[in-house]
Amino acid sequence: MAFENLLIENLGAVRRITVNRPDKLNALNAQTLGELAEAFSAAGRDPSVRVLILRGAGEKAFVAGADISELAVVTPVEARDFARHGQHTMRVVETLGKPVIAQINGYALGGGMELALACHLRIASSKARLGQPEINLGVLPGFGGTQRLLRVTGRGVALELCLTGAQVDATRAYELNLVNRVVAPEELEQVTLALAEQLAASAPEGLRGILDAVVLGGEADLVTGLDYEAQAFATCAATEDMREGTRAFLERRKAVFAGK
């Protein structure tokens, strides 16, 4: 698939998607949002892809935010549609059913932080900076930032970050549960790829079941969430991978999951 603003690489069972607008600090315009939704949807349909890495081109930014040159001229109706367009893209990423790891090398601000929050795991360079600075533009996060921040960090932190527009460094982001790991800049790619390859060696249906139970079931009440978990458990029990996993355990060897 050819995209104007994305680069796509396959590294075995890992697909790496790079937002490729380094001259704009990888800012999200409408076209890039559409390309991301299309690229992730295609990866979701491709059985050869088990895990995805999302990163930004260049050394300065993961994604520095929405493209302000587009935002500055929108009408209220266009602003609503732009927000819904961004929310749709984030939801495609979040509900893909395959683990998505955000490789955060620098700025992840505004729409960039919202995109990172839609990913399932976030690995940050020690030089990374995260924030929701939309209040400084006279608006609020529109791609799901208020809602995912609330769920990831709690109300107090979500309100502080959104109301003040303050940026936090990688260490503080880790303390606030915004990122899973912080590593040296020169180790970022290696650590992210190693994690992706570790996940890619797991049973795909097991990964999907965990993601559905946490992402979808976690949005529901406890009884409904437990039902998600039980149904996913039952689905895994119908797979050859489950037979392989249990057999390998009993035979004291490493399981080899075929994705069946």
C-alpha atoms as a PDB file:
ATOM      1  CA  MET A   1       0.000   0.000   0.000  1.00  0.00           C
ATOM      2  CA  ALA A   2       1.329   3.426  -0.945  1.00  0.00           C
ATOM      3  CA  PHE A   3       0.714   6.432   1.290  1.00  0.00           C
ATOM      4  CA  GLU A   4       1.859  10.017   0.951  1.00  0.00           C
ATOM      5  CA  ASN A   5       2.416  10.646   4.664  1.00  0.00           C
ATOM      6  CA  LEU A   6       3.192   7.170   6.029  1.00  0.00           C
ATOM      7  CA  LEU A   7       5.990   4.658   5.652  1.00  0.00           C
ATOM      8  CA  ILE A   8       5.145   0.968   6.069  1.00  0.00           C
ATOM      9  CA  GLU A   9       7.696  -1.735   6.868  1.00  0.00           C
ATOM     10  CA  ASN A  10       7.241  -5.414   7.633  1.00  0.00           C
ATOM     11  CA  LEU A  11       9.740  -6.890  10.084  1.00  0.00           C
ATOM     12  CA  GLY A  12       8.634 -10.504  10.192  1.00  0.00           C
ATOM     13  CA  ALA A  13       5.293 -10.581  11.994  1.00  0.00           C
ATOM     14  CA  VAL A  14       5.771  -6.966  13.134  1.00  0.00           C
ATOM     15  CA  ARG A  15       4.525  -4.093  10.975  1.00  0.00           C
ATOM     16  CA  ARG A  16       6.102  -0.695  11.606  1.00  0.00           C
ATOM     17  CA  ILE A  17       4.123   2.389  10.607  1.00  0.00           C
ATOM     18  CA  THR A  18       5.974   5.708  10.523  1.00  0.00           C
ATOM     19  CA  VAL A  19       4.217   9.073  10.307  1.00  0.00           C
ATOM     20  CA  ASN A  20       6.444  10.718   7.717  1.00  0.00           C
ATOM     21  CA  ARG A  21       6.043  14.493   7.909  1.00  0.00           C
ATOM     22  CA  PRO A  22       9.259  15.447   9.710  1.00  0.00           C
ATOM     23  CA  ASP A  23       9.208  18.987   8.284  1.00  0.00           C
ATOM     24  CA  LYS A  24       5.870  19.464  10.111  1.00  0.00           C
ATOM     25  CA  LEU A  25       7.000  17.522  13.195  1.00  0.00           C
ATOM     26  CA  ASN A  26       4.662  14.782  11.920  1.00  0.00           C
ATOM     27  CA  ALA A  27       1.565  16.888  12.627  1.00  0.00           C
ATOM     28  CA  LEU A  28      -1.781  15.233  11.956  1.00  0.00           C
ATOM     29  CA  ASN A  29      -3.713  16.785   9.104  1.00  0.00           C
ATOM     30  CA  ALA A  30      -6.917  15.289   7.731  1.00  0.00           C
ATOM     31  CA  GLN A  31      -5.072  13.305   5.086  1.00  0.00           C
ATOM     32  CA  THR A  32      -2.679  11.747   7.576  1.00  0.00           C
ATOM     33  CA  LEU A  33      -5.543  10.796   9.881  1.00  0.00           C
ATOM     34  CA  GLY A  34      -7.261   9.077   6.965  1.00  0.00           C
ATOM     35  CA  GLU A  35      -4.095   7.269   5.953  1.00  0.00           C
ATOM     36  CA  LEU A  36      -3.533   6.051   9.513  1.00  0.00           C
ATOM     37  CA  ALA A  37      -7.064   4.658   9.718  1.00  0.00           C
ATOM     38  CA  GLU A  38      -6.610   2.897   6.385  1.00  0.00           C
ATOM     39  CA  ALA A  39      -3.158   1.531   7.260  1.00  0.00           C
ATOM     40  CA  PHE A  40      -4.245   0.156  10.625  1.00  0.00           C
ATOM     41  CA  SER A  41      -7.436  -1.328   9.203  1.00  0.00           C
ATOM     42  CA  ALA A  42      -5.399  -3.105   6.537  1.00  0.00           C
ATOM     43  CA  ALA A  43      -3.011  -4.445   9.184  1.00  0.00           C
ATOM     44  CA  GLY A  44      -5.955  -5.701  11.193  1.00  0.00           C
ATOM     45  CA  ARG A  45      -7.136  -7.741   8.207  1.00  0.00           C
ATOM     46  CA  ASP A  46      -3.688  -9.153   7.417  1.00  0.00           C
ATOM     47  CA  PRO A  47      -3.099 -12.463   9.256  1.00  0.00           C
ATOM     48  CA  SER A  48       0.659 -12.179   8.726  1.00  0.00           C
ATOM     49  CA  VAL A  49       0.743  -9.091  10.977  1.00  0.00           C
ATOM     50  CA  ARG A  50       0.620  -9.868  14.689  1.00  0.00           C
ATOM     51  CA  VAL A  51       1.961  -6.676  16.284  1.00  0.00           C
ATOM     52  CA  LEU A  52       2.367  -3.057  15.170  1.00  0.00           C
ATOM     53  CA  ILE A  53       4.824  -0.314  16.048  1.00  0.00           C
ATOM     54  CA  LEU A  54       3.831   3.310  15.480  1.00  0.00           C
ATOM     55  CA  ARG A  55       6.500   5.994  15.369  1.00  0.00           C
ATOM     56  CA  GLY A  56       7.278   9.413  13.915  1.00  0.00           C
ATOM     57  CA  ALA A  57       9.960  10.261  11.356  1.00  0.00           C
ATOM     58  CA  GLY A  58      12.988  12.291  12.377  1.00  0.00           C
ATOM     59  CA  GLU A  59      14.577  12.859  15.753  1.00  0.00           C
ATOM     60  CA  LYS A  60      12.345  15.617  17.163  1.00  0.00           C
ATOM     61  CA  ALA A  61       8.817  14.306  17.304  1.00  0.00           C
ATOM     62  CA  PHE A  62       6.564  11.294  17.525  1.00  0.00           C
ATOM     63  CA  VAL A  63       3.646  13.499  16.514  1.00  0.00           C
ATOM     64  CA  ALA A  64       3.706  17.135  17.654  1.00  0.00           C
ATOM     65  CA  GLY A  65      -0.060  17.606  17.403  1.00  0.00           C
ATOM     66  CA  ALA A  66      -2.763  18.404  14.900  1.00  0.00           C
ATOM     67  CA  ASP A  67      -1.868  20.516  11.879  1.00  0.00           C
ATOM     68  CA  ILE A  68      -2.644  24.030  13.151  1.00  0.00           C
ATOM     69  CA  SER A  69      -2.667  25.474   9.629  1.00  0.00           C
ATOM     70  CA  GLU A  70      -5.804  23.411   8.972  1.00  0.00           C
ATOM     71  CA  LEU A  71      -7.320  23.940  12.401  1.00  0.00           C
ATOM     72  CA  ALA A  72      -6.989  27.728  12.288  1.00  0.00           C
ATOM     73  CA  VAL A  73      -9.495  28.167   9.449  1.00  0.00           C
ATOM     74  CA  VAL A  74     -12.222  25.635  10.286  1.00  0.00           C
ATOM     75  CA  THR A  75     -15.845  26.526  10.854  1.00  0.00           C
ATOM     76  CA  PRO A  76     -17.646  25.066  13.880  1.00  0.00           C
ATOM     77  CA  VAL A  77     -19.185  22.334  11.712  1.00  0.00           C
ATOM     78  CA  GLU A  78     -15.808  21.543  10.163  1.00  0.00           C
ATOM     79  CA  ALA A  79     -14.223  21.476  13.628  1.00  0.00           C
ATOM     80  CA  ARG A  80     -16.789  18.931  14.802  1.00  0.00           C
ATOM     81  CA  ASP A  81     -16.170  16.779  11.723  1.00  0.00           C
ATOM     82  CA  PHE A  82     -12.393  17.057  12.159  1.00  0.00           C
ATOM     83  CA  ALA A  83     -12.692  15.949  15.794  1.00  0.00           C
ATOM     84  CA  ARG A  84     -14.847  12.993  14.801  1.00  0.00           C
ATOM     85  CA  HIS A  85     -12.408  12.106  12.034  1.00  0.00           C
ATOM     86  CA  GLY A  86      -9.575  12.041  14.561  1.00  0.00           C
ATOM     87  CA  GLN A  87     -11.639  10.120  17.104  1.00  0.00           C
ATOM     88  CA  HIS A  88     -12.462   7.506  14.480  1.00  0.00           C
ATOM     89  CA  THR A  89      -8.778   7.011  13.667  1.00  0.00           C
ATOM     90  CA  MET A  90      -7.859   6.659  17.349  1.00  0.00           C
ATOM     91  CA  ARG A  91     -10.643   4.124  17.839  1.00  0.00           C
ATOM     92  CA  VAL A  92      -9.429   2.071  14.869  1.00  0.00           C
ATOM     93  CA  VAL A  93      -6.008   1.869  16.525  1.00  0.00           C
ATOM     94  CA  GLU A  94      -7.413   1.120  19.976  1.00  0.00           C
ATOM     95  CA  THR A  95      -9.812  -1.640  18.883  1.00  0.00           C
ATOM     96  CA  LEU A  96      -7.581  -3.279  16.275  1.00  0.00           C
ATOM     97  CA  GLY A  97      -7.355  -6.569  18.162  1.00  0.00           C
ATOM     98  CA  LYS A  98      -3.573  -6.619  17.699  1.00  0.00           C
ATOM     99  CA  PRO A  99      -1.073  -4.981  20.071  1.00  0.00           C
ATOM    100  CA  VAL A 100       0.060  -1.513  18.981  1.00  0.00           C
ATOM    101  CA  ILE A 101       3.199  -0.055  20.548  1.00  0.00           C
ATOM    102  CA  ALA A 102       3.881   3.686  20.370  1.00  0.00           C
ATOM    103  CA  GLN A 103       7.609   4.413  19.977  1.00  0.00           C
ATOM    104  CA  ILE A 104       7.829   7.962  21.348  1.00  0.00           C
ATOM    105  CA  ASN A 105      11.118   9.580  20.405  1.00  0.00           C
ATOM    106  CA  GLY A 106      10.355  13.252  21.080  1.00  0.00           C
ATOM    107  CA  TYR A 107       7.309  15.488  21.214  1.00  0.00           C
ATOM    108  CA  ALA A 108       3.943  13.777  21.654  1.00  0.00           C
ATOM    109  CA  LEU A 109       1.669  16.757  22.060  1.00  0.00           C
ATOM    110  CA  GLY A 110      -2.021  17.389  21.443  1.00  0.00           C
ATOM    111  CA  GLY A 111      -3.188  14.985  18.776  1.00  0.00           C
ATOM    112  CA  GLY A 112       0.129  13.191  19.072  1.00  0.00           C
ATOM    113  CA  MET A 113      -0.444  12.423  22.725  1.00  0.00           C
ATOM    114  CA  GLU A 114      -3.997  11.362  21.902  1.00  0.00           C
ATOM    115  CA  LEU A 115      -2.623   8.999  19.247  1.00  0.00           C
ATOM    116  CA  ALA A 116      -0.117   7.565  21.717  1.00  0.00           C
ATOM    117  CA  LEU A 117      -2.888   7.055  24.290  1.00  0.00           C
ATOM    118  CA  ALA A 118      -4.878   5.069  21.724  1.00  0.00           C
ATOM    119  CA  CYS A 119      -1.950   2.652  21.417  1.00  0.00           C
ATOM    120  CA  HIS A 120      -1.852  -0.232  23.864  1.00  0.00           C
ATOM    121  CA  LEU A 121       1.738   0.207  25.061  1.00  0.00           C
ATOM    122  CA  ARG A 122       4.004   3.259  25.027  1.00  0.00           C
ATOM    123  CA  ILE A 123       7.814   3.203  25.080  1.00  0.00           C
ATOM    124  CA  ALA A 124       9.392   6.647  25.454  1.00  0.00           C
ATOM    125  CA  SER A 125      12.850   8.039  24.905  1.00  0.00           C
ATOM    126  CA  SER A 126      14.216   9.899  27.900  1.00  0.00           C
ATOM    127  CA  LYS A 127      14.073  12.973  25.645  1.00  0.00           C
ATOM    128  CA  ALA A 128      10.333  12.648  25.026  1.00  0.00           C
ATOM    129  CA  ARG A 129       7.864  15.310  26.116  1.00  0.00           C
ATOM    130  CA  LEU A 130       4.122  14.769  26.357  1.00  0.00           C
ATOM    131  CA  GLY A 131       1.186  17.102  26.867  1.00  0.00           C
ATOM    132  CA  GLN A 132      -2.259  18.343  25.884  1.00  0.00           C
ATOM    133  CA  PRO A 133      -1.621  22.031  25.101  1.00  0.00           C
ATOM    134  CA  GLU A 134      -4.893  22.670  23.257  1.00  0.00           C
ATOM    135  CA  ILE A 135      -6.079  25.139  25.918  1.00  0.00           C
ATOM    136  CA  ASN A 136      -3.309  27.467  24.706  1.00  0.00           C
ATOM    137  CA  LEU A 137      -5.111  27.588  21.351  1.00  0.00           C
ATOM    138  CA  GLY A 138      -8.460  28.311  22.953  1.00  0.00           C
ATOM    139  CA  VAL A 139      -9.812  24.791  22.437  1.00  0.00           C
ATOM    140  CA  LEU A 140      -9.710  21.407  24.158  1.00  0.00           C
ATOM    141  CA  PRO A 141      -8.418  17.984  23.119  1.00  0.00           C
ATOM    142  CA  GLY A 142     -10.698  16.752  20.354  1.00  0.00           C
ATOM    143  CA  PHE A 143      -9.352  13.302  19.418  1.00  0.00           C
ATOM    144  CA  GLY A 144     -10.256  11.570  22.689  1.00  0.00           C
ATOM    145  CA  GLY A 145      -7.637  13.094  24.969  1.00  0.00           C
ATOM    146  CA  THR A 146      -9.989  14.072  27.777  1.00  0.00           C
ATOM    147  CA  GLN A 147     -11.526  10.603  27.910  1.00  0.00           C
ATOM    148  CA  ARG A 148      -8.406   8.450  27.570  1.00  0.00           C
ATOM    149  CA  LEU A 149      -6.389  10.613  29.942  1.00  0.00           C
ATOM    150  CA  LEU A 150      -9.159  10.243  32.513  1.00  0.00           C
ATOM    151  CA  ARG A 151      -9.046   6.475  32.174  1.00  0.00           C
ATOM    152  CA  VAL A 152      -5.246   6.186  32.120  1.00  0.00           C
ATOM    153  CA  THR A 153      -4.244   8.696  34.801  1.00  0.00           C
ATOM    154  CA  GLY A 154      -7.377   9.542  36.792  1.00  0.00           C
ATOM    155  CA  ARG A 155      -9.412  12.733  37.005  1.00  0.00           C
ATOM    156  CA  GLY A 156      -6.936  14.957  38.840  1.00  0.00           C
ATOM    157  CA  VAL A 157      -4.035  14.407  36.468  1.00  0.00           C
ATOM    158  CA  ALA A 158      -6.268  14.556  33.385  1.00  0.00           C
ATOM    159  CA  LEU A 159      -7.677  17.890  34.493  1.00  0.00           C
ATOM    160  CA  GLU A 160      -4.268  19.314  35.360  1.00  0.00           C
ATOM    161  CA  LEU A 161      -2.743  18.385  31.997  1.00  0.00           C
ATOM    162  CA  CYS A 162      -5.728  19.624  29.982  1.00  0.00           C
ATOM    163  CA  LEU A 163      -6.464  22.774  32.012  1.00  0.00           C
ATOM    164  CA  THR A 164      -2.853  23.994  32.195  1.00  0.00           C
ATOM    165  CA  GLY A 165      -1.603  22.716  28.844  1.00  0.00           C
ATOM    166  CA  ALA A 166       1.654  21.828  30.587  1.00  0.00           C
ATOM    167  CA  GLN A 167       4.174  19.474  29.036  1.00  0.00           C
ATOM    168  CA  VAL A 168       5.774  16.714  31.104  1.00  0.00           C
ATOM    169  CA  ASP A 169       9.104  15.022  30.516  1.00  0.00           C
ATOM    170  CA  ALA A 170       9.491  11.268  30.103  1.00  0.00           C
ATOM    171  CA  THR A 171      10.260  10.603  33.765  1.00  0.00           C
ATOM    172  CA  ARG A 172       7.143  12.434  34.925  1.00  0.00           C
ATOM    173  CA  ALA A 173       5.110  10.752  32.188  1.00  0.00           C
ATOM    174  CA  TYR A 174       6.176   7.375  33.571  1.00  0.00           C
ATOM    175  CA  GLU A 175       5.199   8.424  37.083  1.00  0.00           C
ATOM    176  CA  LEU A 176       1.761   9.446  35.794  1.00  0.00           C
ATOM    177  CA  ASN A 177       1.271   6.114  33.967  1.00  0.00           C
ATOM    178  CA  LEU A 178       1.346   7.841  30.575  1.00  0.00           C
ATOM    179  CA  VAL A 179       4.149   5.583  29.322  1.00  0.00           C
ATOM    180  CA  ASN A 180       5.121   2.014  30.182  1.00  0.00           C
ATOM    181  CA  ARG A 181       8.890   2.372  29.891  1.00  0.00           C
ATOM    182  CA  VAL A 182      11.507   5.098  29.520  1.00  0.00           C
ATOM    183  CA  VAL A 183      14.771   4.218  27.777  1.00  0.00           C
ATOM    184  CA  ALA A 184      17.851   5.999  26.475  1.00  0.00           C
ATOM    185  CA  PRO A 185      17.321   7.527  22.994  1.00  0.00           C
ATOM    186  CA  GLU A 186      19.856   5.201  21.409  1.00  0.00           C
ATOM    187  CA  GLU A 187      18.035   2.165  22.840  1.00  0.00           C
ATOM    188  CA  LEU A 188      14.493   3.185  21.877  1.00  0.00           C
ATOM    189  CA  GLU A 189      14.225   1.368  18.555  1.00  0.00           C
ATOM    190  CA  GLN A 190      15.881  -1.806  19.832  1.00  0.00           C
ATOM    191  CA  VAL A 191      13.777  -2.013  23.000  1.00  0.00           C
ATOM    192  CA  THR A 192      10.536  -1.331  21.124  1.00  0.00           C
ATOM    193  CA  LEU A 193      11.272  -3.917  18.448  1.00  0.00           C
ATOM    194  CA  ALA A 194      12.284  -6.511  21.049  1.00  0.00           C
ATOM    195  CA  LEU A 195       8.975  -6.036  22.860  1.00  0.00           C
ATOM    196  CA  ALA A 196       7.062  -6.248  19.577  1.00  0.00           C
ATOM    197  CA  GLU A 197       8.834  -9.473  18.630  1.00  0.00           C
ATOM    198  CA  GLN A 198       8.132 -10.939  22.066  1.00  0.00           C
ATOM    199  CA  LEU A 199       4.421 -10.230  21.639  1.00  0.00           C
ATOM    200  CA  ALA A 200       4.437 -11.465  18.034  1.00  0.00           C
ATOM    201  CA  ALA A 201       5.610 -14.873  19.265  1.00  0.00           C
ATOM    202  CA  SER A 202       2.440 -15.213  21.366  1.00  0.00           C
ATOM    203  CA  ALA A 203      -0.835 -16.770  20.276  1.00  0.00           C
ATOM    204  CA  PRO A 204      -2.759 -14.168  18.221  1.00  0.00           C
ATOM    205  CA  GLU A 205      -6.163 -15.152  19.554  1.00  0.00           C
ATOM    206  CA  GLY A 206      -4.883 -14.903  23.097  1.00  0.00           C
ATOM    207  CA  LEU A 207      -3.552 -11.412  22.375  1.00  0.00           C
ATOM    208  CA  ARG A 208      -6.872 -10.403  20.826  1.00  0.00           C
ATOM    209  CA  GLY A 209      -8.796 -11.791  23.774  1.00  0.00           C
ATOM    210  CA  ILE A 210      -6.695  -9.811  26.257  1.00  0.00           C
ATOM    211  CA  LEU A 211      -7.078  -6.607  24.257  1.00  0.00           C
ATOM    212  CA  ASP A 212     -10.840  -7.036  23.886  1.00  0.00           C
ATOM    213  CA  ALA A 213     -11.311  -7.890  27.549  1.00  0.00           C
ATOM    214  CA  VAL A 214      -9.303  -4.881  28.728  1.00  0.00           C
ATOM    215  CA  VAL A 215     -10.151  -2.275  26.070  1.00  0.00           C
ATOM    216  CA  LEU A 216     -13.799  -3.164  25.449  1.00  0.00           C
ATOM    217  CA  GLY A 217     -14.714  -5.023  28.620  1.00  0.00           C
ATOM    218  CA  GLY A 218     -12.979  -2.367  30.688  1.00  0.00           C
ATOM    219  CA  GLU A 219     -15.414   0.242  29.417  1.00  0.00           C
ATOM    220  CA  ALA A 220     -18.385  -1.742  30.711  1.00  0.00           C
ATOM    221  CA  ASP A 221     -19.608  -2.727  34.162  1.00  0.00           C
ATOM    222  CA  LEU A 222     -17.829  -5.575  35.946  1.00  0.00           C
ATOM    223  CA  VAL A 223     -20.355  -8.274  35.032  1.00  0.00           C
ATOM    224  CA  THR A 224     -20.189  -7.370  31.328  1.00  0.00           C
ATOM    225  CA  GLY A 225     -16.403  -7.187  31.461  1.00  0.00           C
ATOM    226  CA  LEU A 226     -16.214 -10.620  33.019  1.00  0.00           C
ATOM    227  CA  ASP A 227     -18.428 -11.932  30.221  1.00  0.00           C
ATOM    228  CA  TYR A 228     -15.981 -10.508  27.641  1.00  0.00           C
ATOM    229  CA  GLU A 229     -13.213 -12.352  29.452  1.00  0.00           C
ATOM    230  CA  ALA A 230     -15.098 -15.669  29.582  1.00  0.00           C
ATOM    231  CA  GLN A 231     -16.093 -15.495  25.906  1.00  0.00           C
ATOM    232  CA  ALA A 232     -12.520 -14.706  24.856  1.00  0.00           C
ATOM    233  CA  PHE A 233     -11.269 -17.582  27.005  1.00  0.00           C
ATOM    234  CA  ALA A 234     -13.703 -19.941  25.306  1.00  0.00           C
ATOM    235  CA  THR A 235     -12.631 -18.746  21.847  1.00  0.00           C
ATOM    236  CA  CYS A 236      -8.982 -19.434  22.684  1.00  0.00           C
ATOM    237  CA  ALA A 237      -9.912 -22.945  23.796  1.00  0.00           C
ATOM    238  CA  ALA A 238     -11.087 -23.664  20.251  1.00  0.00           C
ATOM    239  CA  THR A 239      -7.688 -22.895  18.703  1.00  0.00           C
ATOM    240  CA  GLU A 240      -4.780 -25.124  17.767  1.00  0.00           C
ATOM    241  CA  ASP A 241      -2.542 -22.608  19.531  1.00  0.00           C
ATOM    242  CA  MET A 242      -4.205 -23.417  22.845  1.00  0.00           C
ATOM    243  CA  ARG A 243      -3.508 -27.136  22.291  1.00  0.00           C
ATOM    244  CA  GLU A 244       0.079 -26.308  21.375  1.00  0.00           C
ATOM    245  CA  GLY A 245       0.536 -24.065  24.404  1.00  0.00           C
ATOM    246  CA  THR A 246      -0.801 -26.577  26.925  1.00  0.00           C
ATOM    247  CA  ARG A 247       1.038 -29.459  25.290  1.00  0.00           C
ATOM    248  CA  ALA A 248       4.325 -27.512  25.260  1.00  0.00           C
ATOM    249  CA  PHE A 249       3.891 -26.725  28.958  1.00  0.00           C
ATOM    250  CA  LEU A 250       3.364 -30.391  29.817  1.00  0.00           C
ATOM    251  CA  GLU A 251       6.304 -31.409  27.625  1.00  0.00           C
ATOM    252  CA  ARG A 252       8.498 -28.707  29.184  1.00  0.00           C
ATOM    253  CA  ARG A 253       9.374 -27.010  25.889  1.00  0.00           C
ATOM    254  CA  LYS A 254       8.795 -23.632  24.300  1.00  0.00           C
ATOM    255  CA  ALA A 255       5.491 -23.325  22.484  1.00  0.00           C
ATOM    256  CA  VAL A 256       5.440 -22.414  18.806  1.00  0.00           C
ATOM    257  CA  PHE A 257       2.188 -20.645  17.977  1.00  0.00           C
ATOM    258  CA  ALA A 258       0.992 -20.861  14.372  1.00  0.00           C
ATOM    259  CA  GLY A 259      -1.897 -18.431  14.677  1.00  0.00           C
ATOM    260  CA  LYS A 260      -4.537 -21.101  14.148  1.00  0.00           C
END
